[in-house]
Amino acid sequence: MTDPPLEIAWFSSAVTFHSSVKSILEDPLKKSVVLAVKDLFQLLVSLSGPCNGLKRVALLAPVVYELYYLVFDCLKEGLCLKREIEGFVEGIVSYISLCCSNYSCDWQKRLG
């Protein structure tokens, strides 16, 4: 698929994510939920291949949304998934940084 609209990519990933996460939402330790959110991240990254840097970042909105609620649930229930979540957040931030630097280089090439 060449440069899919955001809505199509989000819908496709939502169907995949919610069909896989339905059975693991009851996991009291939330570790399998972390893995499902990581899978969602990988799916969205794979869908963003033909997109520009800013669109790649925008495609990650569902991951940030799910990650926020995962952290909120873990804090509320007193679960300790700090290492797993911190490592995942570092990976997301690195990916966003890479996307933005690539977009900046592309932008400078168009101007120069």
PDB file of N, CA and C in Angstrom:
ATOM      1  N   MET A   1       0.858  -1.181   0.000  1.00  0.00           N
ATOM      2  CA  MET A   1       0.000   0.000   0.000  1.00  0.00           C
ATOM      3  C   MET A   1       0.899   1.237   0.000  1.00  0.00           C
ATOM      4  N   THR A   2       0.638   2.172  -0.873  1.00  0.00           N
ATOM      5  CA  THR A   2       1.462   3.363  -0.953  1.00  0.00           C
ATOM      6  C   THR A   2       0.834   4.502  -0.165  1.00  0.00           C
ATOM      7  N   ASP A   3       1.533   4.971   0.807  1.00  0.00           N
ATOM      8  CA  ASP A   3       1.158   6.108   1.652  1.00  0.00           C
ATOM      9  C   ASP A   3      -0.333   6.105   2.026  1.00  0.00           C
ATOM     10  N   PRO A   4      -0.733   5.192   2.901  1.00  0.00           N
ATOM     11  CA  PRO A   4      -2.152   5.101   3.262  1.00  0.00           C
ATOM     12  C   PRO A   4      -2.607   6.317   4.064  1.00  0.00           C
ATOM     13  N   PRO A   5      -3.863   6.721   3.925  1.00  0.00           N
ATOM     14  CA  PRO A   5      -4.385   7.799   4.768  1.00  0.00           C
ATOM     15  C   PRO A   5      -4.308   7.380   6.241  1.00  0.00           C
ATOM     16  N   LEU A   6      -4.123   8.355   7.119  1.00  0.00           N
ATOM     17  CA  LEU A   6      -4.021   8.064   8.550  1.00  0.00           C
ATOM     18  C   LEU A   6      -5.195   7.226   9.043  1.00  0.00           C
ATOM     19  N   GLU A   7      -6.384   7.616   8.640  1.00  0.00           N
ATOM     20  CA  GLU A   7      -7.584   6.948   9.135  1.00  0.00           C
ATOM     21  C   GLU A   7      -7.618   5.475   8.754  1.00  0.00           C
ATOM     22  N   ILE A   8      -7.191   5.164   7.541  1.00  0.00           N
ATOM     23  CA  ILE A   8      -7.175   3.773   7.077  1.00  0.00           C
ATOM     24  C   ILE A   8      -6.155   2.969   7.884  1.00  0.00           C
ATOM     25  N   ALA A   9      -4.971   3.539   8.077  1.00  0.00           N
ATOM     26  CA  ALA A   9      -3.935   2.849   8.853  1.00  0.00           C
ATOM     27  C   ALA A   9      -4.384   2.652  10.296  1.00  0.00           C
ATOM     28  N   TRP A  10      -4.991   3.685  10.880  1.00  0.00           N
ATOM     29  CA  TRP A  10      -5.471   3.567  12.263  1.00  0.00           C
ATOM     30  C   TRP A  10      -6.567   2.519  12.374  1.00  0.00           C
ATOM     31  N   PHE A  11      -7.509   2.523  11.432  1.00  0.00           N
ATOM     32  CA  PHE A  11      -8.607   1.557  11.481  1.00  0.00           C
ATOM     33  C   PHE A  11      -8.081   0.136  11.344  1.00  0.00           C
ATOM     34  N   SER A  12      -7.221  -0.071  10.381  1.00  0.00           N
ATOM     35  CA  SER A  12      -6.648  -1.396  10.158  1.00  0.00           C
ATOM     36  C   SER A  12      -5.897  -1.885  11.394  1.00  0.00           C
ATOM     37  N   SER A  13      -5.088  -1.020  11.972  1.00  0.00           N
ATOM     38  CA  SER A  13      -4.326  -1.415  13.157  1.00  0.00           C
ATOM     39  C   SER A  13      -5.237  -1.610  14.366  1.00  0.00           C
ATOM     40  N   ALA A  14      -6.312  -0.826  14.460  1.00  0.00           N
ATOM     41  CA  ALA A  14      -7.252  -0.979  15.580  1.00  0.00           C
ATOM     42  C   ALA A  14      -7.943  -2.331  15.527  1.00  0.00           C
ATOM     43  N   VAL A  15      -8.347  -2.742  14.338  1.00  0.00           N
ATOM     44  CA  VAL A  15      -8.998  -4.049  14.190  1.00  0.00           C
ATOM     45  C   VAL A  15      -8.035  -5.155  14.610  1.00  0.00           C
ATOM     46  N   THR A  16      -6.816  -5.080  14.132  1.00  0.00           N
ATOM     47  CA  THR A  16      -5.812  -6.086  14.480  1.00  0.00           C
ATOM     48  C   THR A  16      -5.516  -6.074  15.972  1.00  0.00           C
ATOM     49  N   PHE A  17      -5.301  -4.881  16.535  1.00  0.00           N
ATOM     50  CA  PHE A  17      -4.955  -4.753  17.950  1.00  0.00           C
ATOM     51  C   PHE A  17      -6.078  -5.257  18.845  1.00  0.00           C
ATOM     52  N   HIS A  18      -7.285  -4.809  18.599  1.00  0.00           N
ATOM     53  CA  HIS A  18      -8.393  -5.175  19.483  1.00  0.00           C
ATOM     54  C   HIS A  18      -8.781  -6.646  19.358  1.00  0.00           C
ATOM     55  N   SER A  19      -8.562  -7.236  18.202  1.00  0.00           N
ATOM     56  CA  SER A  19      -8.850  -8.668  18.084  1.00  0.00           C
ATOM     57  C   SER A  19      -7.800  -9.495  18.828  1.00  0.00           C
ATOM     58  N   SER A  20      -6.572  -9.002  18.898  1.00  0.00           N
ATOM     59  CA  SER A  20      -5.522  -9.748  19.606  1.00  0.00           C
ATOM     60  C   SER A  20      -5.514  -9.462  21.102  1.00  0.00           C
ATOM     61  N   VAL A  21      -5.940  -8.290  21.507  1.00  0.00           N
ATOM     62  CA  VAL A  21      -5.840  -7.895  22.912  1.00  0.00           C
ATOM     63  C   VAL A  21      -7.084  -8.264  23.718  1.00  0.00           C
ATOM     64  N   LYS A  22      -8.141  -8.622  23.044  1.00  0.00           N
ATOM     65  CA  LYS A  22      -9.409  -8.910  23.723  1.00  0.00           C
ATOM     66  C   LYS A  22      -9.240  -9.944  24.836  1.00  0.00           C
ATOM     67  N   SER A  23      -8.517 -10.995  24.566  1.00  0.00           N
ATOM     68  CA  SER A  23      -8.367 -12.065  25.546  1.00  0.00           C
ATOM     69  C   SER A  23      -7.349 -11.754  26.636  1.00  0.00           C
ATOM     70  N   ILE A  24      -6.427 -10.840  26.389  1.00  0.00           N
ATOM     71  CA  ILE A  24      -5.374 -10.591  27.381  1.00  0.00           C
ATOM     72  C   ILE A  24      -5.624  -9.368  28.250  1.00  0.00           C
ATOM     73  N   LEU A  25      -6.708  -8.653  28.014  1.00  0.00           N
ATOM     74  CA  LEU A  25      -6.990  -7.478  28.841  1.00  0.00           C
ATOM     75  C   LEU A  25      -7.225  -7.838  30.299  1.00  0.00           C
ATOM     76  N   GLU A  26      -7.584  -9.074  30.554  1.00  0.00           N
ATOM     77  CA  GLU A  26      -7.833  -9.511  31.926  1.00  0.00           C
ATOM     78  C   GLU A  26      -6.552  -9.928  32.643  1.00  0.00           C
ATOM     79  N   ASP A  27      -5.420  -9.857  31.979  1.00  0.00           N
ATOM     80  CA  ASP A  27      -4.143 -10.229  32.585  1.00  0.00           C
ATOM     81  C   ASP A  27      -3.870  -9.327  33.779  1.00  0.00           C
ATOM     82  N   PRO A  28      -3.816  -9.883  34.987  1.00  0.00           N
ATOM     83  CA  PRO A  28      -3.632  -9.040  36.168  1.00  0.00           C
ATOM     84  C   PRO A  28      -2.260  -8.383  36.231  1.00  0.00           C
ATOM     85  N   LEU A  29      -1.261  -8.953  35.572  1.00  0.00           N
ATOM     86  CA  LEU A  29       0.084  -8.374  35.616  1.00  0.00           C
ATOM     87  C   LEU A  29       0.355  -7.392  34.485  1.00  0.00           C
ATOM     88  N   LYS A  30      -0.507  -7.358  33.491  1.00  0.00           N
ATOM     89  CA  LYS A  30      -0.436  -6.428  32.358  1.00  0.00           C
ATOM     90  C   LYS A  30       0.774  -6.639  31.451  1.00  0.00           C
ATOM     91  N   LYS A  31       1.594  -7.664  31.715  1.00  0.00           N
ATOM     92  CA  LYS A  31       2.770  -7.869  30.861  1.00  0.00           C
ATOM     93  C   LYS A  31       2.371  -8.211  29.430  1.00  0.00           C
ATOM     94  N   SER A  32       1.327  -8.999  29.282  1.00  0.00           N
ATOM     95  CA  SER A  32       0.891  -9.345  27.930  1.00  0.00           C
ATOM     96  C   SER A  32       0.264  -8.143  27.232  1.00  0.00           C
ATOM     97  N   VAL A  33      -0.280  -7.207  28.003  1.00  0.00           N
ATOM     98  CA  VAL A  33      -0.818  -5.977  27.410  1.00  0.00           C
ATOM     99  C   VAL A  33       0.332  -5.125  26.879  1.00  0.00           C
ATOM    100  N   VAL A  34       1.442  -5.086  27.619  1.00  0.00           N
ATOM    101  CA  VAL A  34       2.630  -4.360  27.144  1.00  0.00           C
ATOM    102  C   VAL A  34       3.089  -4.952  25.816  1.00  0.00           C
ATOM    103  N   LEU A  35       3.115  -6.263  25.732  1.00  0.00           N
ATOM    104  CA  LEU A  35       3.519  -6.920  24.479  1.00  0.00           C
ATOM    105  C   LEU A  35       2.557  -6.595  23.342  1.00  0.00           C
ATOM    106  N   ALA A  36       1.271  -6.529  23.650  1.00  0.00           N
ATOM    107  CA  ALA A  36       0.282  -6.196  22.615  1.00  0.00           C
ATOM    108  C   ALA A  36       0.473  -4.766  22.118  1.00  0.00           C
ATOM    109  N   VAL A  37       0.793  -3.839  23.020  1.00  0.00           N
ATOM    110  CA  VAL A  37       1.024  -2.449  22.611  1.00  0.00           C
ATOM    111  C   VAL A  37       2.310  -2.363  21.789  1.00  0.00           C
ATOM    112  N   LYS A  38       3.310  -3.159  22.146  1.00  0.00           N
ATOM    113  CA  LYS A  38       4.535  -3.206  21.341  1.00  0.00           C
ATOM    114  C   LYS A  38       4.238  -3.747  19.942  1.00  0.00           C
ATOM    115  N   ASP A  39       3.372  -4.750  19.876  1.00  0.00           N
ATOM    116  CA  ASP A  39       2.966  -5.281  18.566  1.00  0.00           C
ATOM    117  C   ASP A  39       2.234  -4.220  17.747  1.00  0.00           C
ATOM    118  N   LEU A  40       1.397  -3.433  18.415  1.00  0.00           N
ATOM    119  CA  LEU A  40       0.702  -2.333  17.736  1.00  0.00           C
ATOM    120  C   LEU A  40       1.713  -1.334  17.184  1.00  0.00           C
ATOM    121  N   PHE A  41       2.726  -1.014  17.976  1.00  0.00           N
ATOM    122  CA  PHE A  41       3.791  -0.108  17.530  1.00  0.00           C
ATOM    123  C   PHE A  41       4.471  -0.665  16.278  1.00  0.00           C
ATOM    124  N   GLN A  42       4.836  -1.949  16.317  1.00  0.00           N
ATOM    125  CA  GLN A  42       5.495  -2.567  15.165  1.00  0.00           C
ATOM    126  C   GLN A  42       4.599  -2.565  13.929  1.00  0.00           C
ATOM    127  N   LEU A  43       3.317  -2.818  14.135  1.00  0.00           N
ATOM    128  CA  LEU A  43       2.375  -2.806  13.016  1.00  0.00           C
ATOM    129  C   LEU A  43       2.297  -1.420  12.389  1.00  0.00           C
ATOM    130  N   LEU A  44       2.184  -0.389  13.222  1.00  0.00           N
ATOM    131  CA  LEU A  44       2.080   0.977  12.692  1.00  0.00           C
ATOM    132  C   LEU A  44       3.378   1.420  12.026  1.00  0.00           C
ATOM    133  N   VAL A  45       4.506   1.002  12.575  1.00  0.00           N
ATOM    134  CA  VAL A  45       5.790   1.321  11.939  1.00  0.00           C
ATOM    135  C   VAL A  45       5.861   0.654  10.563  1.00  0.00           C
ATOM    136  N   SER A  46       5.404  -0.583  10.468  1.00  0.00           N
ATOM    137  CA  SER A  46       5.444  -1.269   9.170  1.00  0.00           C
ATOM    138  C   SER A  46       4.489  -0.630   8.161  1.00  0.00           C
ATOM    139  N   LEU A  47       3.367  -0.105   8.628  1.00  0.00           N
ATOM    140  CA  LEU A  47       2.433   0.574   7.725  1.00  0.00           C
ATOM    141  C   LEU A  47       2.947   1.942   7.281  1.00  0.00           C
ATOM    142  N   SER A  48       3.873   2.515   8.051  1.00  0.00           N
ATOM    143  CA  SER A  48       4.317   3.883   7.769  1.00  0.00           C
ATOM    144  C   SER A  48       5.494   3.952   6.806  1.00  0.00           C
ATOM    145  N   GLY A  49       5.914   2.831   6.265  1.00  0.00           N
ATOM    146  CA  GLY A  49       7.071   2.803   5.373  1.00  0.00           C
ATOM    147  C   GLY A  49       7.092   3.873   4.298  1.00  0.00           C
ATOM    148  N   PRO A  50       6.049   4.003   3.486  1.00  0.00           N
ATOM    149  CA  PRO A  50       6.080   4.988   2.403  1.00  0.00           C
ATOM    150  C   PRO A  50       5.730   6.418   2.836  1.00  0.00           C
ATOM    151  N   CYS A  51       5.467   6.639   4.108  1.00  0.00           N
ATOM    152  CA  CYS A  51       5.017   7.960   4.575  1.00  0.00           C
ATOM    153  C   CYS A  51       6.197   8.873   4.883  1.00  0.00           C
ATOM    154  N   ASN A  52       5.925  10.188   4.922  1.00  0.00           N
ATOM    155  CA  ASN A  52       6.969  11.130   5.326  1.00  0.00           C
ATOM    156  C   ASN A  52       7.122  11.105   6.849  1.00  0.00           C
ATOM    157  N   GLY A  53       8.135  11.802   7.355  1.00  0.00           N
ATOM    158  CA  GLY A  53       8.463  11.764   8.776  1.00  0.00           C
ATOM    159  C   GLY A  53       7.354  12.211   9.697  1.00  0.00           C
ATOM    160  N   LEU A  54       6.672  13.288   9.344  1.00  0.00           N
ATOM    161  CA  LEU A  54       5.613  13.789  10.210  1.00  0.00           C
ATOM    162  C   LEU A  54       4.425  12.837  10.255  1.00  0.00           C
ATOM    163  N   LYS A  55       4.107  12.233   9.141  1.00  0.00           N
ATOM    164  CA  LYS A  55       2.991  11.285   9.118  1.00  0.00           C
ATOM    165  C   LYS A  55       3.349  10.024   9.901  1.00  0.00           C
ATOM    166  N   ARG A  56       4.612   9.629   9.856  1.00  0.00           N
ATOM    167  CA  ARG A  56       5.054   8.476  10.645  1.00  0.00           C
ATOM    168  C   ARG A  56       4.848   8.731  12.136  1.00  0.00           C
ATOM    169  N   VAL A  57       5.139   9.940  12.560  1.00  0.00           N
ATOM    170  CA  VAL A  57       4.938  10.298  13.970  1.00  0.00           C
ATOM    171  C   VAL A  57       3.450  10.329  14.293  1.00  0.00           C
ATOM    172  N   ALA A  58       2.652  10.906  13.415  1.00  0.00           N
ATOM    173  CA  ALA A  58       1.207  10.994  13.643  1.00  0.00           C
ATOM    174  C   ALA A  58       0.568   9.613  13.715  1.00  0.00           C
ATOM    175  N   LEU A  59       1.092   8.666  12.959  1.00  0.00           N
ATOM    176  CA  LEU A  59       0.539   7.313  12.983  1.00  0.00           C
ATOM    177  C   LEU A  59       0.680   6.651  14.351  1.00  0.00           C
ATOM    178  N   LEU A  60       1.590   7.145  15.175  1.00  0.00           N
ATOM    179  CA  LEU A  60       1.827   6.531  16.481  1.00  0.00           C
ATOM    180  C   LEU A  60       0.829   6.959  17.550  1.00  0.00           C
ATOM    181  N   ALA A  61      -0.119   7.808  17.216  1.00  0.00           N
ATOM    182  CA  ALA A  61      -1.092   8.290  18.205  1.00  0.00           C
ATOM    183  C   ALA A  61      -1.793   7.154  18.956  1.00  0.00           C
ATOM    184  N   PRO A  62      -2.242   6.090  18.295  1.00  0.00           N
ATOM    185  CA  PRO A  62      -2.885   5.009  19.054  1.00  0.00           C
ATOM    186  C   PRO A  62      -1.943   4.323  20.047  1.00  0.00           C
ATOM    187  N   VAL A  63      -0.664   4.253  19.713  1.00  0.00           N
ATOM    188  CA  VAL A  63       0.309   3.645  20.627  1.00  0.00           C
ATOM    189  C   VAL A  63       0.448   4.500  21.875  1.00  0.00           C
ATOM    190  N   VAL A  64       0.567   5.811  21.682  1.00  0.00           N
ATOM    191  CA  VAL A  64       0.693   6.724  22.822  1.00  0.00           C
ATOM    192  C   VAL A  64      -0.562   6.655  23.684  1.00  0.00           C
ATOM    193  N   TYR A  65      -1.722   6.586  23.052  1.00  0.00           N
ATOM    194  CA  TYR A  65      -2.996   6.480  23.771  1.00  0.00           C
ATOM    195  C   TYR A  65      -3.039   5.209  24.627  1.00  0.00           C
ATOM    196  N   GLU A  66      -2.730   4.081  24.023  1.00  0.00           N
ATOM    197  CA  GLU A  66      -2.758   2.811  24.759  1.00  0.00           C
ATOM    198  C   GLU A  66      -1.691   2.777  25.844  1.00  0.00           C
ATOM    199  N   LEU A  67      -0.536   3.342  25.564  1.00  0.00           N
ATOM    200  CA  LEU A  67       0.544   3.374  26.548  1.00  0.00           C
ATOM    201  C   LEU A  67       0.163   4.232  27.749  1.00  0.00           C
ATOM    202  N   TYR A  68      -0.493   5.352  27.503  1.00  0.00           N
ATOM    203  CA  TYR A  68      -0.953   6.218  28.594  1.00  0.00           C
ATOM    204  C   TYR A  68      -1.882   5.448  29.530  1.00  0.00           C
ATOM    205  N   TYR A  69      -2.860   4.757  28.960  1.00  0.00           N
ATOM    206  CA  TYR A  69      -3.802   4.020  29.799  1.00  0.00           C
ATOM    207  C   TYR A  69      -3.157   2.816  30.473  1.00  0.00           C
ATOM    208  N   LEU A  70      -2.167   2.234  29.842  1.00  0.00           N
ATOM    209  CA  LEU A  70      -1.435   1.141  30.464  1.00  0.00           C
ATOM    210  C   LEU A  70      -0.680   1.638  31.697  1.00  0.00           C
ATOM    211  N   VAL A  71       0.012   2.765  31.562  1.00  0.00           N
ATOM    212  CA  VAL A  71       0.741   3.352  32.691  1.00  0.00           C
ATOM    213  C   VAL A  71      -0.239   3.750  33.791  1.00  0.00           C
ATOM    214  N   PHE A  72      -1.340   4.361  33.411  1.00  0.00           N
ATOM    215  CA  PHE A  72      -2.356   4.775  34.377  1.00  0.00           C
ATOM    216  C   PHE A  72      -2.886   3.571  35.160  1.00  0.00           C
ATOM    217  N   ASP A  73      -3.197   2.484  34.461  1.00  0.00           N
ATOM    218  CA  ASP A  73      -3.683   1.270  35.129  1.00  0.00           C
ATOM    219  C   ASP A  73      -2.626   0.670  36.047  1.00  0.00           C
ATOM    220  N   CYS A  74      -1.385   0.665  35.596  1.00  0.00           N
ATOM    221  CA  CYS A  74      -0.312   0.096  36.414  1.00  0.00           C
ATOM    222  C   CYS A  74      -0.097   0.910  37.686  1.00  0.00           C
ATOM    223  N   LEU A  75      -0.155   2.222  37.578  1.00  0.00           N
ATOM    224  CA  LEU A  75      -0.006   3.067  38.764  1.00  0.00           C
ATOM    225  C   LEU A  75      -1.189   2.893  39.710  1.00  0.00           C
ATOM    226  N   LYS A  76      -2.371   2.813  39.143  1.00  0.00           N
ATOM    227  CA  LYS A  76      -3.582   2.672  39.949  1.00  0.00           C
ATOM    228  C   LYS A  76      -3.594   1.338  40.700  1.00  0.00           C
ATOM    229  N   GLU A  77      -3.135   0.281  40.041  1.00  0.00           N
ATOM    230  CA  GLU A  77      -3.162  -1.049  40.639  1.00  0.00           C
ATOM    231  C   GLU A  77      -1.864  -1.395  41.357  1.00  0.00           C
ATOM    232  N   GLY A  78      -0.901  -0.477  41.348  1.00  0.00           N
ATOM    233  CA  GLY A  78       0.357  -0.709  42.042  1.00  0.00           C
ATOM    234  C   GLY A  78       1.251  -1.744  41.379  1.00  0.00           C
ATOM    235  N   LEU A  79       1.102  -1.933  40.089  1.00  0.00           N
ATOM    236  CA  LEU A  79       1.932  -2.896  39.368  1.00  0.00           C
ATOM    237  C   LEU A  79       3.266  -2.261  39.000  1.00  0.00           C
ATOM    238  N   CYS A  80       4.291  -3.071  38.972  1.00  0.00           N
ATOM    239  CA  CYS A  80       5.626  -2.551  38.675  1.00  0.00           C
ATOM    240  C   CYS A  80       6.089  -3.081  37.318  1.00  0.00           C
ATOM    241  N   LEU A  81       5.838  -2.311  36.308  1.00  0.00           N
ATOM    242  CA  LEU A  81       6.313  -2.636  34.963  1.00  0.00           C
ATOM    243  C   LEU A  81       7.229  -1.522  34.463  1.00  0.00           C
ATOM    244  N   LYS A  82       7.884  -0.872  35.403  1.00  0.00           N
ATOM    245  CA  LYS A  82       8.661   0.323  35.073  1.00  0.00           C
ATOM    246  C   LYS A  82       9.718   0.057  33.998  1.00  0.00           C
ATOM    247  N   ARG A  83      10.480  -1.008  34.144  1.00  0.00           N
ATOM    248  CA  ARG A  83      11.554  -1.290  33.177  1.00  0.00           C
ATOM    249  C   ARG A  83      11.009  -1.540  31.779  1.00  0.00           C
ATOM    250  N   GLU A  84       9.969  -2.363  31.711  1.00  0.00           N
ATOM    251  CA  GLU A  84       9.393  -2.686  30.411  1.00  0.00           C
ATOM    252  C   GLU A  84       8.845  -1.440  29.724  1.00  0.00           C
ATOM    253  N   ILE A  85       8.133  -0.633  30.494  1.00  0.00           N
ATOM    254  CA  ILE A  85       7.507   0.563  29.924  1.00  0.00           C
ATOM    255  C   ILE A  85       8.551   1.615  29.586  1.00  0.00           C
ATOM    256  N   GLU A  86       9.548   1.809  30.471  1.00  0.00           N
ATOM    257  CA  GLU A  86      10.600   2.790  30.177  1.00  0.00           C
ATOM    258  C   GLU A  86      11.371   2.412  28.918  1.00  0.00           C
ATOM    259  N   GLY A  87      11.703   1.145  28.777  1.00  0.00           N
ATOM    260  CA  GLY A  87      12.411   0.694  27.578  1.00  0.00           C
ATOM    261  C   GLY A  87      11.592   0.909  26.320  1.00  0.00           C
ATOM    262  N   PHE A  88      10.307   0.645  26.430  1.00  0.00           N
ATOM    263  CA  PHE A  88       9.407   0.838  25.293  1.00  0.00           C
ATOM    264  C   PHE A  88       9.296   2.314  24.936  1.00  0.00           C
ATOM    265  N   VAL A  89       9.160   3.171  25.946  1.00  0.00           N
ATOM    266  CA  VAL A  89       9.068   4.616  25.698  1.00  0.00           C
ATOM    267  C   VAL A  89      10.360   5.123  25.061  1.00  0.00           C
ATOM    268  N   GLU A  90      11.505   4.629  25.514  1.00  0.00           N
ATOM    269  CA  GLU A  90      12.778   5.023  24.900  1.00  0.00           C
ATOM    270  C   GLU A  90      12.812   4.643  23.422  1.00  0.00           C
ATOM    271  N   GLY A  91      12.306   3.470  23.107  1.00  0.00           N
ATOM    272  CA  GLY A  91      12.248   3.040  21.714  1.00  0.00           C
ATOM    273  C   GLY A  91      11.351   3.931  20.873  1.00  0.00           C
ATOM    274  N   ILE A  92      10.207   4.316  21.430  1.00  0.00           N
ATOM    275  CA  ILE A  92       9.283   5.204  20.716  1.00  0.00           C
ATOM    276  C   ILE A  92       9.923   6.569  20.490  1.00  0.00           C
ATOM    277  N   VAL A  93      10.556   7.104  21.531  1.00  0.00           N
ATOM    278  CA  VAL A  93      11.200   8.419  21.410  1.00  0.00           C
ATOM    279  C   VAL A  93      12.334   8.367  20.384  1.00  0.00           C
ATOM    280  N   SER A  94      13.105   7.295  20.378  1.00  0.00           N
ATOM    281  CA  SER A  94      14.179   7.152  19.385  1.00  0.00           C
ATOM    282  C   SER A  94      13.615   7.106  17.971  1.00  0.00           C
ATOM    283  N   TYR A  95      12.535   6.368  17.793  1.00  0.00           N
ATOM    284  CA  TYR A  95      11.894   6.283  16.480  1.00  0.00           C
ATOM    285  C   TYR A  95      11.386   7.655  16.035  1.00  0.00           C
ATOM    286  N   ILE A  96      10.745   8.382  16.942  1.00  0.00           N
ATOM    287  CA  ILE A  96      10.237   9.719  16.618  1.00  0.00           C
ATOM    288  C   ILE A  96      11.390  10.653  16.271  1.00  0.00           C
ATOM    289  N   SER A  97      12.468  10.572  17.028  1.00  0.00           N
ATOM    290  CA  SER A  97      13.641  11.402  16.751  1.00  0.00           C
ATOM    291  C   SER A  97      14.208  11.096  15.366  1.00  0.00           C
ATOM    292  N   LEU A  98      14.280   9.834  15.028  1.00  0.00           N
ATOM    293  CA  LEU A  98      14.769   9.426  13.710  1.00  0.00           C
ATOM    294  C   LEU A  98      13.855   9.937  12.602  1.00  0.00           C
ATOM    295  N   CYS A  99      12.548   9.817  12.807  1.00  0.00           N
ATOM    296  CA  CYS A  99      11.582  10.306  11.809  1.00  0.00           C
ATOM    297  C   CYS A  99      11.726  11.811  11.602  1.00  0.00           C
ATOM    298  N   CYS A 100      11.869  12.541  12.705  1.00  0.00           N
ATOM    299  CA  CYS A 100      11.979  14.000  12.611  1.00  0.00           C
ATOM    300  C   CYS A 100      13.285  14.424  11.955  1.00  0.00           C
ATOM    301  N   SER A 101      14.374  13.720  12.248  1.00  0.00           N
ATOM    302  CA  SER A 101      15.645  14.088  11.619  1.00  0.00           C
ATOM    303  C   SER A 101      15.614  13.784  10.125  1.00  0.00           C
ATOM    304  N   ASN A 102      14.995  12.672   9.744  1.00  0.00           N
ATOM    305  CA  ASN A 102      14.856  12.358   8.315  1.00  0.00           C
ATOM    306  C   ASN A 102      13.982  13.384   7.616  1.00  0.00           C
ATOM    307  N   TYR A 103      12.912  13.809   8.279  1.00  0.00           N
ATOM    308  CA  TYR A 103      12.024  14.814   7.698  1.00  0.00           C
ATOM    309  C   TYR A 103      12.767  16.136   7.537  1.00  0.00           C
ATOM    310  N   SER A 104      13.589  16.482   8.532  1.00  0.00           N
ATOM    311  CA  SER A 104      14.364  17.722   8.468  1.00  0.00           C
ATOM    312  C   SER A 104      15.350  17.687   7.297  1.00  0.00           C
ATOM    313  N   CYS A 105      16.018  16.550   7.112  1.00  0.00           N
ATOM    314  CA  CYS A 105      16.960  16.415   5.989  1.00  0.00           C
ATOM    315  C   CYS A 105      16.234  16.513   4.651  1.00  0.00           C
ATOM    316  N   ASP A 106      15.079  15.863   4.546  1.00  0.00           N
ATOM    317  CA  ASP A 106      14.293  15.937   3.308  1.00  0.00           C
ATOM    318  C   ASP A 106      13.848  17.364   3.034  1.00  0.00           C
ATOM    319  N   TRP A 107      13.438  18.062   4.073  1.00  0.00           N
ATOM    320  CA  TRP A 107      12.973  19.441   3.944  1.00  0.00           C
ATOM    321  C   TRP A 107      14.115  20.342   3.461  1.00  0.00           C
ATOM    322  N   GLN A 108      15.312  20.159   4.034  1.00  0.00           N
ATOM    323  CA  GLN A 108      16.462  20.969   3.633  1.00  0.00           C
ATOM    324  C   GLN A 108      16.864  20.684   2.189  1.00  0.00           C
ATOM    325  N   LYS A 109      16.737  19.442   1.752  1.00  0.00           N
ATOM    326  CA  LYS A 109      17.063  19.099   0.364  1.00  0.00           C
ATOM    327  C   LYS A 109      16.116  19.793  -0.605  1.00  0.00           C
ATOM    328  N   ARG A 110      14.837  19.881  -0.216  1.00  0.00           N
ATOM    329  CA  ARG A 110      13.861  20.549  -1.082  1.00  0.00           C
ATOM    330  C   ARG A 110      14.124  22.049  -1.162  1.00  0.00           C
ATOM    331  N   LEU A 111      14.615  22.632  -0.073  1.00  0.00           N
ATOM    332  CA  LEU A 111      14.892  24.071  -0.064  1.00  0.00           C
ATOM    333  C   LEU A 111      16.205  24.403  -0.758  1.00  0.00           C
ATOM    334  N   GLY A 112      17.170  23.497  -0.618  1.00  0.00           N
ATOM    335  CA  GLY A 112      18.514  23.775  -1.073  1.00  0.00           C
ATOM    336  C   GLY A 112      18.732  23.544  -2.494  1.00  0.00           C
TER     337      GLY A 112
END
